[in-house]
């Protein structure tokens, strides 16, 4: 659905640009100004369609970037290589589900005191990205076991590299929605507003009583958190904590 909305926004924006050129008697010729106008129109249409924030940024940049690539006379394979690279990095983002969000070092520092102190603690990160947060936690808590779930190929490989040398950190390439949570004491997630209702239902169905769900930046709808931790980073991150 998100990809269809994005395509509709791009096509409608170009139709508006073409209609404007015809109405003003100007030729519809490739230029950076027209590409920028089309990008602004596509972003505006995306906002009206209630697209996610990252789609707005893509709309703004797409046509100007395409124009710049054509002017640079890049090899024909270059756009395909860029598309392949974006696909391997963002993977499910193009379906409008979960973009690649990277947690800050300050987020790891704020999360560490929230972890229970008993040995053998089990912690899972749903959407681990490049694994930086889990690596810092695993180094600080060698008595606990950390598992990162990542589906996108390139972030998964980066997370595997980040896990090297840490026997208490495992990275799984898996769909986060298929990963059971019943064996976990703490579930951490930095996803997107779109999927929070689904995360709520998964947590309620699978997490055991007393376990802790920590959602970075996005609250679980219709569920009051046990506490909210303010993180001192550039993003102004908040950690929403829910006790099952």
C-alpha atoms as a PDB file:
ATOM      1  CA  UNK A   1       0.000   0.000   0.000  1.00  0.00           C
ATOM      2  CA  UNK A   2       2.764   2.453   0.918  1.00  0.00           C
ATOM      3  CA  UNK A   3       4.608   1.774  -2.349  1.00  0.00           C
ATOM      4  CA  UNK A   4       1.401   2.324  -4.339  1.00  0.00           C
ATOM      5  CA  UNK A   5       0.805   5.641  -2.582  1.00  0.00           C
ATOM      6  CA  UNK A   6       4.373   6.682  -3.361  1.00  0.00           C
ATOM      7  CA  UNK A   7       3.965   5.775  -7.026  1.00  0.00           C
ATOM      8  CA  UNK A   8       0.665   7.666  -7.188  1.00  0.00           C
ATOM      9  CA  UNK A   9       2.266  10.752  -5.613  1.00  0.00           C
ATOM     10  CA  UNK A  10       5.150  10.707  -8.111  1.00  0.00           C
ATOM     11  CA  UNK A  11       2.886  10.263 -11.150  1.00  0.00           C
ATOM     12  CA  UNK A  12       0.370  12.878 -10.035  1.00  0.00           C
ATOM     13  CA  UNK A  13       3.158  15.365  -9.347  1.00  0.00           C
ATOM     14  CA  UNK A  14       4.557  14.913 -12.864  1.00  0.00           C
ATOM     15  CA  UNK A  15       1.071  15.316 -14.335  1.00  0.00           C
ATOM     16  CA  UNK A  16       0.673  18.596 -12.445  1.00  0.00           C
ATOM     17  CA  UNK A  17       4.078  19.809 -13.667  1.00  0.00           C
ATOM     18  CA  UNK A  18       3.174  18.886 -17.250  1.00  0.00           C
ATOM     19  CA  UNK A  19      -0.224  20.591 -16.970  1.00  0.00           C
ATOM     20  CA  UNK A  20       1.414  23.715 -15.588  1.00  0.00           C
ATOM     21  CA  UNK A  21       3.937  23.851 -18.438  1.00  0.00           C
ATOM     22  CA  UNK A  22       1.170  23.448 -21.033  1.00  0.00           C
ATOM     23  CA  UNK A  23      -0.972  26.138 -19.381  1.00  0.00           C
ATOM     24  CA  UNK A  24       1.968  28.578 -19.353  1.00  0.00           C
ATOM     25  CA  UNK A  25       3.048  27.672 -22.882  1.00  0.00           C
ATOM     26  CA  UNK A  26       6.453  26.481 -21.697  1.00  0.00           C
ATOM     27  CA  UNK A  27       8.248  23.380 -22.998  1.00  0.00           C
ATOM     28  CA  UNK A  28       8.383  20.373 -20.689  1.00  0.00           C
ATOM     29  CA  UNK A  29      12.170  20.015 -20.823  1.00  0.00           C
ATOM     30  CA  UNK A  30      14.371  18.300 -18.283  1.00  0.00           C
ATOM     31  CA  UNK A  31      15.712  20.854 -15.822  1.00  0.00           C
ATOM     32  CA  UNK A  32      16.710  20.920 -12.176  1.00  0.00           C
ATOM     33  CA  UNK A  33      14.036  23.518 -11.383  1.00  0.00           C
ATOM     34  CA  UNK A  34      11.251  21.332 -12.790  1.00  0.00           C
ATOM     35  CA  UNK A  35      12.656  18.294 -11.002  1.00  0.00           C
ATOM     36  CA  UNK A  36      12.723  20.233  -7.723  1.00  0.00           C
ATOM     37  CA  UNK A  37       9.154  21.450  -8.305  1.00  0.00           C
ATOM     38  CA  UNK A  38       7.992  17.929  -9.024  1.00  0.00           C
ATOM     39  CA  UNK A  39       9.716  16.714  -5.854  1.00  0.00           C
ATOM     40  CA  UNK A  40       8.010  19.369  -3.756  1.00  0.00           C
ATOM     41  CA  UNK A  41       4.609  18.530  -5.271  1.00  0.00           C
ATOM     42  CA  UNK A  42       5.152  14.803  -4.726  1.00  0.00           C
ATOM     43  CA  UNK A  43       6.123  15.442  -1.099  1.00  0.00           C
ATOM     44  CA  UNK A  44       3.003  17.561  -0.610  1.00  0.00           C
ATOM     45  CA  UNK A  45       0.815  14.873  -2.123  1.00  0.00           C
ATOM     46  CA  UNK A  46       2.546  12.315   0.085  1.00  0.00           C
ATOM     47  CA  UNK A  47       1.665  14.385   3.150  1.00  0.00           C
ATOM     48  CA  UNK A  48      -1.983  14.558   2.024  1.00  0.00           C
ATOM     49  CA  UNK A  49      -1.941  10.776   1.563  1.00  0.00           C
ATOM     50  CA  UNK A  50      -0.512  10.425   5.103  1.00  0.00           C
ATOM     51  CA  UNK A  51       2.654   8.708   3.916  1.00  0.00           C
ATOM     52  CA  UNK A  52       5.384   7.965   6.425  1.00  0.00           C
ATOM     53  CA  UNK A  53       8.068  10.620   6.989  1.00  0.00           C
ATOM     54  CA  UNK A  54      10.799   8.727   5.114  1.00  0.00           C
ATOM     55  CA  UNK A  55       8.600   8.621   2.006  1.00  0.00           C
ATOM     56  CA  UNK A  56       8.315  12.423   2.111  1.00  0.00           C
ATOM     57  CA  UNK A  57      12.104  12.692   2.077  1.00  0.00           C
ATOM     58  CA  UNK A  58      12.293  10.226  -0.816  1.00  0.00           C
ATOM     59  CA  UNK A  59       9.736  12.242  -2.796  1.00  0.00           C
ATOM     60  CA  UNK A  60      11.707  15.441  -2.291  1.00  0.00           C
ATOM     61  CA  UNK A  61      14.987  13.912  -3.446  1.00  0.00           C
ATOM     62  CA  UNK A  62      13.951  11.420  -6.118  1.00  0.00           C
ATOM     63  CA  UNK A  63      13.502  13.572  -9.231  1.00  0.00           C
ATOM     64  CA  UNK A  64      16.397  15.996  -8.493  1.00  0.00           C
ATOM     65  CA  UNK A  65      18.675  13.008  -7.881  1.00  0.00           C
ATOM     66  CA  UNK A  66      17.502  11.376 -11.106  1.00  0.00           C
ATOM     67  CA  UNK A  67      18.131  14.610 -13.025  1.00  0.00           C
ATOM     68  CA  UNK A  68      21.616  14.912 -11.510  1.00  0.00           C
ATOM     69  CA  UNK A  69      22.404  11.299 -12.410  1.00  0.00           C
ATOM     70  CA  UNK A  70      21.344  11.894 -16.033  1.00  0.00           C
ATOM     71  CA  UNK A  71      23.464  15.041 -16.276  1.00  0.00           C
ATOM     72  CA  UNK A  72      26.496  13.172 -14.947  1.00  0.00           C
ATOM     73  CA  UNK A  73      26.120  10.628 -17.755  1.00  0.00           C
ATOM     74  CA  UNK A  74      26.498   7.715 -15.380  1.00  0.00           C
ATOM     75  CA  UNK A  75      26.615   4.133 -16.699  1.00  0.00           C
ATOM     76  CA  UNK A  76      23.185   2.586 -17.393  1.00  0.00           C
ATOM     77  CA  UNK A  77      23.787   0.012 -14.657  1.00  0.00           C
ATOM     78  CA  UNK A  78      24.224   2.707 -11.996  1.00  0.00           C
ATOM     79  CA  UNK A  79      20.498   3.253 -11.208  1.00  0.00           C
ATOM     80  CA  UNK A  80      20.018  -0.517 -10.962  1.00  0.00           C
ATOM     81  CA  UNK A  81      22.975  -0.776  -8.590  1.00  0.00           C
ATOM     82  CA  UNK A  82      21.569   2.028  -6.426  1.00  0.00           C
ATOM     83  CA  UNK A  83      18.147   0.371  -6.333  1.00  0.00           C
ATOM     84  CA  UNK A  84      19.708  -2.973  -5.405  1.00  0.00           C
ATOM     85  CA  UNK A  85      21.745  -1.334  -2.658  1.00  0.00           C
ATOM     86  CA  UNK A  86      18.718   0.441  -1.198  1.00  0.00           C
ATOM     87  CA  UNK A  87      16.725  -2.782  -1.338  1.00  0.00           C
ATOM     88  CA  UNK A  88      19.394  -4.757   0.519  1.00  0.00           C
ATOM     89  CA  UNK A  89      19.654  -2.052   3.192  1.00  0.00           C
ATOM     90  CA  UNK A  90      16.012  -1.110   3.737  1.00  0.00           C
ATOM     91  CA  UNK A  91      14.299  -4.330   2.553  1.00  0.00           C
ATOM     92  CA  UNK A  92      10.818  -4.173   4.193  1.00  0.00           C
ATOM     93  CA  UNK A  93      10.755  -0.358   4.289  1.00  0.00           C
ATOM     94  CA  UNK A  94       9.434  -0.335   0.730  1.00  0.00           C
ATOM     95  CA  UNK A  95       6.359  -2.198   1.971  1.00  0.00           C
ATOM     96  CA  UNK A  96       5.806   0.642   4.447  1.00  0.00           C
ATOM     97  CA  UNK A  97       6.467  -1.460   7.552  1.00  0.00           C
ATOM     98  CA  UNK A  98       9.715  -0.808   9.397  1.00  0.00           C
ATOM     99  CA  UNK A  99      12.485   1.529   8.231  1.00  0.00           C
ATOM    100  CA  UNK A 100      16.116   1.267   9.267  1.00  0.00           C
ATOM    101  CA  UNK A 101      16.382   3.245  12.521  1.00  0.00           C
ATOM    102  CA  UNK A 102      19.727   3.165  14.335  1.00  0.00           C
ATOM    103  CA  UNK A 103      19.739   3.594  18.105  1.00  0.00           C
ATOM    104  CA  UNK A 104      22.186   6.043  19.637  1.00  0.00           C
ATOM    105  CA  UNK A 105      24.869   5.219  22.199  1.00  0.00           C
ATOM    106  CA  UNK A 106      22.856   7.271  24.693  1.00  0.00           C
ATOM    107  CA  UNK A 107      19.882   4.963  24.108  1.00  0.00           C
ATOM    108  CA  UNK A 108      21.998   1.933  25.028  1.00  0.00           C
ATOM    109  CA  UNK A 109      23.210   3.741  28.165  1.00  0.00           C
ATOM    110  CA  UNK A 110      19.611   4.561  29.134  1.00  0.00           C
ATOM    111  CA  UNK A 111      18.405   1.017  28.445  1.00  0.00           C
ATOM    112  CA  UNK A 112      21.119  -0.671  30.500  1.00  0.00           C
ATOM    113  CA  UNK A 113      19.716   0.297  33.956  1.00  0.00           C
ATOM    114  CA  UNK A 114      16.281  -0.976  32.902  1.00  0.00           C
ATOM    115  CA  UNK A 115      17.570  -4.527  32.488  1.00  0.00           C
ATOM    116  CA  UNK A 116      16.892  -6.829  35.451  1.00  0.00           C
ATOM    117  CA  UNK A 117      20.034  -7.815  37.341  1.00  0.00           C
ATOM    118  CA  UNK A 118      19.558 -11.575  37.557  1.00  0.00           C
ATOM    119  CA  UNK A 119      22.035 -13.823  35.753  1.00  0.00           C
ATOM    120  CA  UNK A 120      20.876 -15.593  32.614  1.00  0.00           C
ATOM    121  CA  UNK A 121      18.752 -12.656  31.526  1.00  0.00           C
ATOM    122  CA  UNK A 122      17.341 -13.063  27.990  1.00  0.00           C
ATOM    123  CA  UNK A 123      17.027  -9.899  25.863  1.00  0.00           C
ATOM    124  CA  UNK A 124      15.873  -9.651  22.232  1.00  0.00           C
ATOM    125  CA  UNK A 125      16.047  -6.675  19.885  1.00  0.00           C
ATOM    126  CA  UNK A 126      13.309  -6.832  17.234  1.00  0.00           C
ATOM    127  CA  UNK A 127      14.893  -5.093  14.262  1.00  0.00           C
ATOM    128  CA  UNK A 128      18.491  -4.952  15.442  1.00  0.00           C
ATOM    129  CA  UNK A 129      19.804  -2.945  12.484  1.00  0.00           C
ATOM    130  CA  UNK A 130      23.591  -3.004  12.469  1.00  0.00           C
ATOM    131  CA  UNK A 131      23.740  -4.346  16.023  1.00  0.00           C
ATOM    132  CA  UNK A 132      25.477  -1.399  17.659  1.00  0.00           C
ATOM    133  CA  UNK A 133      23.054  -1.155  20.593  1.00  0.00           C
ATOM    134  CA  UNK A 134      23.216  -4.876  21.343  1.00  0.00           C
ATOM    135  CA  UNK A 135      26.998  -4.906  21.185  1.00  0.00           C
ATOM    136  CA  UNK A 136      27.223  -2.200  23.856  1.00  0.00           C
ATOM    137  CA  UNK A 137      24.692  -4.003  26.057  1.00  0.00           C
ATOM    138  CA  UNK A 138      26.408  -7.375  25.620  1.00  0.00           C
ATOM    139  CA  UNK A 139      29.763  -5.882  26.576  1.00  0.00           C
ATOM    140  CA  UNK A 140      28.272  -4.300  29.691  1.00  0.00           C
ATOM    141  CA  UNK A 141      26.305  -7.422  30.754  1.00  0.00           C
ATOM    142  CA  UNK A 142      28.364 -10.558  30.072  1.00  0.00           C
ATOM    143  CA  UNK A 143      26.007 -12.485  32.402  1.00  0.00           C
ATOM    144  CA  UNK A 144      23.027 -11.917  30.065  1.00  0.00           C
ATOM    145  CA  UNK A 145      22.218 -13.345  26.632  1.00  0.00           C
ATOM    146  CA  UNK A 146      21.273 -10.981  23.814  1.00  0.00           C
ATOM    147  CA  UNK A 147      19.587 -11.844  20.515  1.00  0.00           C
ATOM    148  CA  UNK A 148      19.185  -9.511  17.567  1.00  0.00           C
ATOM    149  CA  UNK A 149      16.537 -10.086  14.888  1.00  0.00           C
ATOM    150  CA  UNK A 150      17.227  -8.433  11.525  1.00  0.00           C
ATOM    151  CA  UNK A 151      15.727  -9.200   8.108  1.00  0.00           C
ATOM    152  CA  UNK A 152      17.493  -6.777   5.744  1.00  0.00           C
ATOM    153  CA  UNK A 153      20.625  -8.437   4.297  1.00  0.00           C
ATOM    154  CA  UNK A 154      23.251  -5.694   4.633  1.00  0.00           C
ATOM    155  CA  UNK A 155      22.312  -4.566   8.171  1.00  0.00           C
ATOM    156  CA  UNK A 156      22.219  -8.248   9.155  1.00  0.00           C
ATOM    157  CA  UNK A 157      25.771  -8.758   7.904  1.00  0.00           C
ATOM    158  CA  UNK A 158      26.900  -5.609   9.731  1.00  0.00           C
ATOM    159  CA  UNK A 159      25.247  -6.875  12.916  1.00  0.00           C
ATOM    160  CA  UNK A 160      27.018 -10.224  12.550  1.00  0.00           C
ATOM    161  CA  UNK A 161      30.321  -8.367  12.336  1.00  0.00           C
ATOM    162  CA  UNK A 162      29.390  -6.342  15.428  1.00  0.00           C
ATOM    163  CA  UNK A 163      28.679  -9.579  17.302  1.00  0.00           C
ATOM    164  CA  UNK A 164      32.159 -11.010  16.696  1.00  0.00           C
ATOM    165  CA  UNK A 165      34.014 -11.911  19.862  1.00  0.00           C
ATOM    166  CA  UNK A 166      30.893 -11.760  22.047  1.00  0.00           C
ATOM    167  CA  UNK A 167      29.685 -15.179  23.129  1.00  0.00           C
ATOM    168  CA  UNK A 168      26.536 -13.741  24.687  1.00  0.00           C
ATOM    169  CA  UNK A 169      25.321 -12.008  21.503  1.00  0.00           C
ATOM    170  CA  UNK A 170      23.585 -13.852  18.655  1.00  0.00           C
ATOM    171  CA  UNK A 171      22.194 -12.287  15.468  1.00  0.00           C
ATOM    172  CA  UNK A 172      19.364 -14.071  13.651  1.00  0.00           C
ATOM    173  CA  UNK A 173      18.201 -13.263  10.130  1.00  0.00           C
ATOM    174  CA  UNK A 174      14.481 -13.579  10.571  1.00  0.00           C
ATOM    175  CA  UNK A 175      11.153 -11.812  10.209  1.00  0.00           C
ATOM    176  CA  UNK A 176      10.548 -10.162  13.591  1.00  0.00           C
ATOM    177  CA  UNK A 177       6.855 -11.089  13.443  1.00  0.00           C
ATOM    178  CA  UNK A 178       7.730 -14.794  13.249  1.00  0.00           C
ATOM    179  CA  UNK A 179      10.177 -14.750  16.152  1.00  0.00           C
ATOM    180  CA  UNK A 180       8.568 -16.133  19.368  1.00  0.00           C
ATOM    181  CA  UNK A 181       8.948 -14.007  22.499  1.00  0.00           C
ATOM    182  CA  UNK A 182       7.916 -16.407  25.260  1.00  0.00           C
ATOM    183  CA  UNK A 183      11.546 -17.136  26.221  1.00  0.00           C
ATOM    184  CA  UNK A 184      12.561 -13.484  26.630  1.00  0.00           C
ATOM    185  CA  UNK A 185      12.769 -11.385  29.789  1.00  0.00           C
ATOM    186  CA  UNK A 186      13.151  -8.085  27.911  1.00  0.00           C
ATOM    187  CA  UNK A 187      11.969  -7.219  24.399  1.00  0.00           C
ATOM    188  CA  UNK A 188      13.370  -4.041  22.817  1.00  0.00           C
ATOM    189  CA  UNK A 189      11.893  -2.559  19.644  1.00  0.00           C
ATOM    190  CA  UNK A 190      12.584   0.561  17.569  1.00  0.00           C
ATOM    191  CA  UNK A 191      10.040   0.145  14.781  1.00  0.00           C
ATOM    192  CA  UNK A 192       7.498   2.641  13.418  1.00  0.00           C
ATOM    193  CA  UNK A 193       4.090   4.047  14.417  1.00  0.00           C
ATOM    194  CA  UNK A 194       2.424   1.997  11.682  1.00  0.00           C
ATOM    195  CA  UNK A 195       3.225  -1.356  13.302  1.00  0.00           C
ATOM    196  CA  UNK A 196       2.778  -0.521  16.991  1.00  0.00           C
ATOM    197  CA  UNK A 197      -0.748  -1.988  17.201  1.00  0.00           C
ATOM    198  CA  UNK A 198       0.610  -5.224  15.742  1.00  0.00           C
ATOM    199  CA  UNK A 199       3.509  -5.217  18.218  1.00  0.00           C
ATOM    200  CA  UNK A 200       1.040  -4.738  21.073  1.00  0.00           C
ATOM    201  CA  UNK A 201      -0.943  -7.805  20.049  1.00  0.00           C
ATOM    202  CA  UNK A 202       2.208  -9.897  19.572  1.00  0.00           C
ATOM    203  CA  UNK A 203       3.537  -8.897  22.984  1.00  0.00           C
ATOM    204  CA  UNK A 204       0.239  -9.638  24.712  1.00  0.00           C
ATOM    205  CA  UNK A 205      -0.039 -13.024  23.046  1.00  0.00           C
ATOM    206  CA  UNK A 206       3.543 -14.228  23.514  1.00  0.00           C
ATOM    207  CA  UNK A 207       5.393 -12.433  26.319  1.00  0.00           C
ATOM    208  CA  UNK A 208       5.214 -14.049  29.735  1.00  0.00           C
ATOM    209  CA  UNK A 209       3.918 -12.245  32.860  1.00  0.00           C
ATOM    210  CA  UNK A 210       6.509  -9.982  34.459  1.00  0.00           C
ATOM    211  CA  UNK A 211       8.581  -9.564  31.301  1.00  0.00           C
ATOM    212  CA  UNK A 212       9.392  -6.090  29.999  1.00  0.00           C
ATOM    213  CA  UNK A 213       8.680  -4.508  26.612  1.00  0.00           C
ATOM    214  CA  UNK A 214      10.711  -1.375  25.810  1.00  0.00           C
ATOM    215  CA  UNK A 215       9.708   0.597  22.726  1.00  0.00           C
ATOM    216  CA  UNK A 216      12.033   3.310  21.512  1.00  0.00           C
ATOM    217  CA  UNK A 217      10.415   6.564  20.325  1.00  0.00           C
ATOM    218  CA  UNK A 218       6.966   5.134  19.562  1.00  0.00           C
ATOM    219  CA  UNK A 219       4.401   4.361  22.291  1.00  0.00           C
ATOM    220  CA  UNK A 220       2.136   1.352  22.229  1.00  0.00           C
ATOM    221  CA  UNK A 221      -1.374   2.656  21.461  1.00  0.00           C
ATOM    222  CA  UNK A 222      -4.084   2.511  24.123  1.00  0.00           C
ATOM    223  CA  UNK A 223      -1.616   1.150  26.684  1.00  0.00           C
ATOM    224  CA  UNK A 224      -0.211   3.342  29.491  1.00  0.00           C
ATOM    225  CA  UNK A 225       3.524   2.714  30.008  1.00  0.00           C
ATOM    226  CA  UNK A 226       4.928   1.726  33.382  1.00  0.00           C
ATOM    227  CA  UNK A 227       7.498   4.480  32.904  1.00  0.00           C
ATOM    228  CA  UNK A 228       8.953   6.715  30.189  1.00  0.00           C
ATOM    229  CA  UNK A 229      12.705   7.312  30.118  1.00  0.00           C
ATOM    230  CA  UNK A 230      14.000  10.476  28.460  1.00  0.00           C
ATOM    231  CA  UNK A 231      17.238   9.924  26.530  1.00  0.00           C
ATOM    232  CA  UNK A 232      19.721  12.784  26.172  1.00  0.00           C
ATOM    233  CA  UNK A 233      20.502  12.357  22.471  1.00  0.00           C
ATOM    234  CA  UNK A 234      20.038  14.546  19.388  1.00  0.00           C
ATOM    235  CA  UNK A 235      16.799  12.769  18.502  1.00  0.00           C
ATOM    236  CA  UNK A 236      15.190  13.342  21.899  1.00  0.00           C
ATOM    237  CA  UNK A 237      14.519   9.620  22.196  1.00  0.00           C
ATOM    238  CA  UNK A 238      12.002   8.311  24.692  1.00  0.00           C
ATOM    239  CA  UNK A 239      11.907   4.743  25.966  1.00  0.00           C
ATOM    240  CA  UNK A 240       8.361   3.556  26.661  1.00  0.00           C
ATOM    241  CA  UNK A 241       8.408   0.681  29.176  1.00  0.00           C
ATOM    242  CA  UNK A 242       5.538  -1.795  29.501  1.00  0.00           C
ATOM    243  CA  UNK A 243       5.359  -4.562  32.080  1.00  0.00           C
ATOM    244  CA  UNK A 244       3.444  -7.615  30.916  1.00  0.00           C
END
